[in-house]
Amino acid sequence: MPADQPQWILDARRAVGDRIRVRRLHQNMTQESLAHATGLDRSTVQRMEAAPK
């Protein structure tokens, strides 16, 4: 991802990743089980949750 992203984009990505993580944990799901349920690769879920800080 380009390092010159506007701050609002980084903030939005972080917020989405946080919401995914909170919801996943609330449902007692692992990244692996979420990936399986959504048809995504686990590394994709991991990247979404680990948005730049």
PDB file of N, CA and C in Angstrom:
ATOM      1  N   MET A   1       0.850  -1.168   0.000  1.00  0.00           N
ATOM      2  CA  MET A   1       0.000   0.000   0.000  1.00  0.00           C
ATOM      3  C   MET A   1       0.895   1.230   0.000  1.00  0.00           C
ATOM      4  N   PRO A   2       0.536   2.241  -0.785  1.00  0.00           N
ATOM      5  CA  PRO A   2       1.336   3.456  -0.835  1.00  0.00           C
ATOM      6  C   PRO A   2       1.401   4.138   0.529  1.00  0.00           C
ATOM      7  N   ALA A   3       2.562   4.671   0.850  1.00  0.00           N
ATOM      8  CA  ALA A   3       2.753   5.335   2.140  1.00  0.00           C
ATOM      9  C   ALA A   3       2.156   6.732   2.144  1.00  0.00           C
ATOM     10  N   ASP A   4       1.792   7.248   0.993  1.00  0.00           N
ATOM     11  CA  ASP A   4       1.278   8.615   0.915  1.00  0.00           C
ATOM     12  C   ASP A   4      -0.243   8.687   0.987  1.00  0.00           C
ATOM     13  N   GLN A   5      -0.849   7.722   1.620  1.00  0.00           N
ATOM     14  CA  GLN A   5      -2.301   7.712   1.774  1.00  0.00           C
ATOM     15  C   GLN A   5      -2.731   8.838   2.718  1.00  0.00           C
ATOM     16  N   PRO A   6      -3.827   9.530   2.412  1.00  0.00           N
ATOM     17  CA  PRO A   6      -4.327  10.554   3.328  1.00  0.00           C
ATOM     18  C   PRO A   6      -4.689   9.934   4.690  1.00  0.00           C
ATOM     19  N   GLN A   7      -4.558  10.729   5.709  1.00  0.00           N
ATOM     20  CA  GLN A   7      -4.818  10.231   7.068  1.00  0.00           C
ATOM     21  C   GLN A   7      -6.237   9.685   7.212  1.00  0.00           C
ATOM     22  N   TRP A   8      -7.213  10.297   6.547  1.00  0.00           N
ATOM     23  CA  TRP A   8      -8.587   9.842   6.713  1.00  0.00           C
ATOM     24  C   TRP A   8      -8.766   8.426   6.169  1.00  0.00           C
ATOM     25  N   ILE A   9      -8.015   8.056   5.157  1.00  0.00           N
ATOM     26  CA  ILE A   9      -8.094   6.698   4.623  1.00  0.00           C
ATOM     27  C   ILE A   9      -7.501   5.715   5.623  1.00  0.00           C
ATOM     28  N   LEU A  10      -6.353   6.066   6.196  1.00  0.00           N
ATOM     29  CA  LEU A  10      -5.745   5.194   7.204  1.00  0.00           C
ATOM     30  C   LEU A  10      -6.665   5.043   8.411  1.00  0.00           C
ATOM     31  N   ASP A  11      -7.298   6.132   8.834  1.00  0.00           N
ATOM     32  CA  ASP A  11      -8.229   6.080   9.970  1.00  0.00           C
ATOM     33  C   ASP A  11      -9.431   5.195   9.660  1.00  0.00           C
ATOM     34  N   ALA A  12      -9.945   5.299   8.439  1.00  0.00           N
ATOM     35  CA  ALA A  12     -11.102   4.492   8.046  1.00  0.00           C
ATOM     36  C   ALA A  12     -10.739   3.014   7.998  1.00  0.00           C
ATOM     37  N   ARG A  13      -9.567   2.696   7.446  1.00  0.00           N
ATOM     38  CA  ARG A  13      -9.124   1.295   7.395  1.00  0.00           C
ATOM     39  C   ARG A  13      -8.950   0.729   8.796  1.00  0.00           C
ATOM     40  N   ARG A  14      -8.385   1.537   9.694  1.00  0.00           N
ATOM     41  CA  ARG A  14      -8.192   1.102  11.076  1.00  0.00           C
ATOM     42  C   ARG A  14      -9.547   0.835  11.740  1.00  0.00           C
ATOM     43  N   ALA A  15     -10.510   1.721  11.510  1.00  0.00           N
ATOM     44  CA  ALA A  15     -11.833   1.564  12.115  1.00  0.00           C
ATOM     45  C   ALA A  15     -12.522   0.295  11.618  1.00  0.00           C
ATOM     46  N   VAL A  16     -12.417   0.026  10.328  1.00  0.00           N
ATOM     47  CA  VAL A  16     -13.029  -1.188   9.767  1.00  0.00           C
ATOM     48  C   VAL A  16     -12.366  -2.425  10.355  1.00  0.00           C
ATOM     49  N   GLY A  17     -11.043  -2.434  10.410  1.00  0.00           N
ATOM     50  CA  GLY A  17     -10.321  -3.565  10.984  1.00  0.00           C
ATOM     51  C   GLY A  17     -10.685  -3.797  12.435  1.00  0.00           C
ATOM     52  N   ASP A  18     -10.822  -2.707  13.183  1.00  0.00           N
ATOM     53  CA  ASP A  18     -11.215  -2.827  14.597  1.00  0.00           C
ATOM     54  C   ASP A  18     -12.614  -3.415  14.729  1.00  0.00           C
ATOM     55  N   ARG A  19     -13.534  -2.968  13.881  1.00  0.00           N
ATOM     56  CA  ARG A  19     -14.911  -3.499  13.949  1.00  0.00           C
ATOM     57  C   ARG A  19     -14.956  -4.972  13.595  1.00  0.00           C
ATOM     58  N   ILE A  20     -14.173  -5.366  12.599  1.00  0.00           N
ATOM     59  CA  ILE A  20     -14.121  -6.784  12.224  1.00  0.00           C
ATOM     60  C   ILE A  20     -13.606  -7.606  13.398  1.00  0.00           C
ATOM     61  N   ARG A  21     -12.502  -7.167  14.013  1.00  0.00           N
ATOM     62  CA  ARG A  21     -11.901  -7.907  15.130  1.00  0.00           C
ATOM     63  C   ARG A  21     -12.863  -8.009  16.311  1.00  0.00           C
ATOM     64  N   VAL A  22     -13.494  -6.891  16.683  1.00  0.00           N
ATOM     65  CA  VAL A  22     -14.411  -6.888  17.824  1.00  0.00           C
ATOM     66  C   VAL A  22     -15.579  -7.838  17.571  1.00  0.00           C
ATOM     67  N   ARG A  23     -16.151  -7.774  16.393  1.00  0.00           N
ATOM     68  CA  ARG A  23     -17.295  -8.636  16.064  1.00  0.00           C
ATOM     69  C   ARG A  23     -16.879 -10.107  16.034  1.00  0.00           C
ATOM     70  N   ARG A  24     -15.707 -10.372  15.454  1.00  0.00           N
ATOM     71  CA  ARG A  24     -15.213 -11.752  15.387  1.00  0.00           C
ATOM     72  C   ARG A  24     -15.008 -12.316  16.786  1.00  0.00           C
ATOM     73  N   LEU A  25     -14.393 -11.537  17.652  1.00  0.00           N
ATOM     74  CA  LEU A  25     -14.162 -12.008  19.024  1.00  0.00           C
ATOM     75  C   LEU A  25     -15.470 -12.152  19.787  1.00  0.00           C
ATOM     76  N   HIS A  26     -16.412 -11.243  19.550  1.00  0.00           N
ATOM     77  CA  HIS A  26     -17.732 -11.340  20.195  1.00  0.00           C
ATOM     78  C   HIS A  26     -18.439 -12.641  19.803  1.00  0.00           C
ATOM     79  N   GLN A  27     -18.187 -13.090  18.577  1.00  0.00           N
ATOM     80  CA  GLN A  27     -18.786 -14.330  18.083  1.00  0.00           C
ATOM     81  C   GLN A  27     -17.930 -15.551  18.424  1.00  0.00           C
ATOM     82  N   ASN A  28     -16.863 -15.344  19.205  1.00  0.00           N
ATOM     83  CA  ASN A  28     -15.947 -16.426  19.587  1.00  0.00           C
ATOM     84  C   ASN A  28     -15.395 -17.154  18.358  1.00  0.00           C
ATOM     85  N   MET A  29     -15.007 -16.369  17.366  1.00  0.00           N
ATOM     86  CA  MET A  29     -14.451 -16.943  16.143  1.00  0.00           C
ATOM     87  C   MET A  29     -12.957 -16.662  16.072  1.00  0.00           C
ATOM     88  N   THR A  30     -12.238 -17.578  15.470  1.00  0.00           N
ATOM     89  CA  THR A  30     -10.834 -17.351  15.168  1.00  0.00           C
ATOM     90  C   THR A  30     -10.747 -16.684  13.805  1.00  0.00           C
ATOM     91  N   GLN A  31      -9.578 -16.175  13.484  1.00  0.00           N
ATOM     92  CA  GLN A  31      -9.396 -15.631  12.136  1.00  0.00           C
ATOM     93  C   GLN A  31      -9.607 -16.738  11.110  1.00  0.00           C
ATOM     94  N   GLU A  32      -9.164 -17.929  11.439  1.00  0.00           N
ATOM     95  CA  GLU A  32      -9.319 -19.062  10.524  1.00  0.00           C
ATOM     96  C   GLU A  32     -10.798 -19.379  10.280  1.00  0.00           C
ATOM     97  N   SER A  33     -11.604 -19.408  11.351  1.00  0.00           N
ATOM     98  CA  SER A  33     -13.025 -19.741  11.173  1.00  0.00           C
ATOM     99  C   SER A  33     -13.762 -18.623  10.433  1.00  0.00           C
ATOM    100  N   LEU A  34     -13.378 -17.367  10.676  1.00  0.00           N
ATOM    101  CA  LEU A  34     -13.986 -16.261   9.936  1.00  0.00           C
ATOM    102  C   LEU A  34     -13.617 -16.347   8.458  1.00  0.00           C
ATOM    103  N   ALA A  35     -12.365 -16.654   8.191  1.00  0.00           N
ATOM    104  CA  ALA A  35     -11.925 -16.794   6.805  1.00  0.00           C
ATOM    105  C   ALA A  35     -12.712 -17.895   6.098  1.00  0.00           C
ATOM    106  N   HIS A  36     -12.871 -19.026   6.766  1.00  0.00           N
ATOM    107  CA  HIS A  36     -13.618 -20.141   6.174  1.00  0.00           C
ATOM    108  C   HIS A  36     -15.075 -19.738   5.917  1.00  0.00           C
ATOM    109  N   ALA A  37     -15.694 -19.062   6.884  1.00  0.00           N
ATOM    110  CA  ALA A  37     -17.105 -18.676   6.752  1.00  0.00           C
ATOM    111  C   ALA A  37     -17.325 -17.651   5.643  1.00  0.00           C
ATOM    112  N   THR A  38     -16.317 -16.843   5.360  1.00  0.00           N
ATOM    113  CA  THR A  38     -16.478 -15.789   4.357  1.00  0.00           C
ATOM    114  C   THR A  38     -15.871 -16.142   3.008  1.00  0.00           C
ATOM    115  N   GLY A  39     -15.141 -17.242   2.949  1.00  0.00           N
ATOM    116  CA  GLY A  39     -14.499 -17.626   1.701  1.00  0.00           C
ATOM    117  C   GLY A  39     -13.220 -16.858   1.422  1.00  0.00           C
ATOM    118  N   LEU A  40     -12.672 -16.228   2.456  1.00  0.00           N
ATOM    119  CA  LEU A  40     -11.420 -15.490   2.314  1.00  0.00           C
ATOM    120  C   LEU A  40     -10.269 -16.326   2.846  1.00  0.00           C
ATOM    121  N   ASP A  41      -9.073 -15.918   2.510  1.00  0.00           N
ATOM    122  CA  ASP A  41      -7.891 -16.541   3.072  1.00  0.00           C
ATOM    123  C   ASP A  41      -7.642 -15.935   4.453  1.00  0.00           C
ATOM    124  N   ARG A  42      -7.090 -16.717   5.378  1.00  0.00           N
ATOM    125  CA  ARG A  42      -6.834 -16.214   6.727  1.00  0.00           C
ATOM    126  C   ARG A  42      -5.905 -15.012   6.704  1.00  0.00           C
ATOM    127  N   SER A  43      -4.952 -15.011   5.791  1.00  0.00           N
ATOM    128  CA  SER A  43      -4.033 -13.879   5.719  1.00  0.00           C
ATOM    129  C   SER A  43      -4.759 -12.591   5.326  1.00  0.00           C
ATOM    130  N   THR A  44      -5.836 -12.703   4.572  1.00  0.00           N
ATOM    131  CA  THR A  44      -6.632 -11.531   4.216  1.00  0.00           C
ATOM    132  C   THR A  44      -7.320 -10.969   5.448  1.00  0.00           C
ATOM    133  N   VAL A  45      -7.912 -11.850   6.257  1.00  0.00           N
ATOM    134  CA  VAL A  45      -8.552 -11.409   7.501  1.00  0.00           C
ATOM    135  C   VAL A  45      -7.504 -10.763   8.407  1.00  0.00           C
ATOM    136  N   GLN A  46      -6.344 -11.371   8.505  1.00  0.00           N
ATOM    137  CA  GLN A  46      -5.272 -10.844   9.344  1.00  0.00           C
ATOM    138  C   GLN A  46      -4.860  -9.438   8.879  1.00  0.00           C
ATOM    139  N   ARG A  47      -4.712  -9.253   7.578  1.00  0.00           N
ATOM    140  CA  ARG A  47      -4.334  -7.936   7.045  1.00  0.00           C
ATOM    141  C   ARG A  47      -5.407  -6.881   7.315  1.00  0.00           C
ATOM    142  N   MET A  48      -6.668  -7.282   7.168  1.00  0.00           N
ATOM    143  CA  MET A  48      -7.753  -6.319   7.419  1.00  0.00           C
ATOM    144  C   MET A  48      -7.764  -5.881   8.878  1.00  0.00           C
ATOM    145  N   GLU A  49      -7.557  -6.823   9.780  1.00  0.00           N
ATOM    146  CA  GLU A  49      -7.573  -6.488  11.207  1.00  0.00           C
ATOM    147  C   GLU A  49      -6.321  -5.724  11.629  1.00  0.00           C
ATOM    148  N   ALA A  50      -5.241  -5.877  10.908  1.00  0.00           N
ATOM    149  CA  ALA A  50      -3.978  -5.237  11.268  1.00  0.00           C
ATOM    150  C   ALA A  50      -3.748  -3.977  10.436  1.00  0.00           C
ATOM    151  N   ALA A  51      -4.781  -3.199  10.227  1.00  0.00           N
ATOM    152  CA  ALA A  51      -4.641  -1.964   9.454  1.00  0.00           C
ATOM    153  C   ALA A  51      -3.588  -1.076  10.114  1.00  0.00           C
ATOM    154  N   PRO A  52      -2.934  -0.233   9.335  1.00  0.00           N
ATOM    155  CA  PRO A  52      -1.847   0.601   9.880  1.00  0.00           C
ATOM    156  C   PRO A  52      -2.296   1.419  11.083  1.00  0.00           C
ATOM    157  N   LYS A  53      -1.439   1.458  12.056  1.00  0.00           N
ATOM    158  CA  LYS A  53      -1.737   2.216  13.283  1.00  0.00           C
ATOM    159  C   LYS A  53      -1.193   3.614  13.190  1.00  0.00           C
TER     160      LYS A  53
END
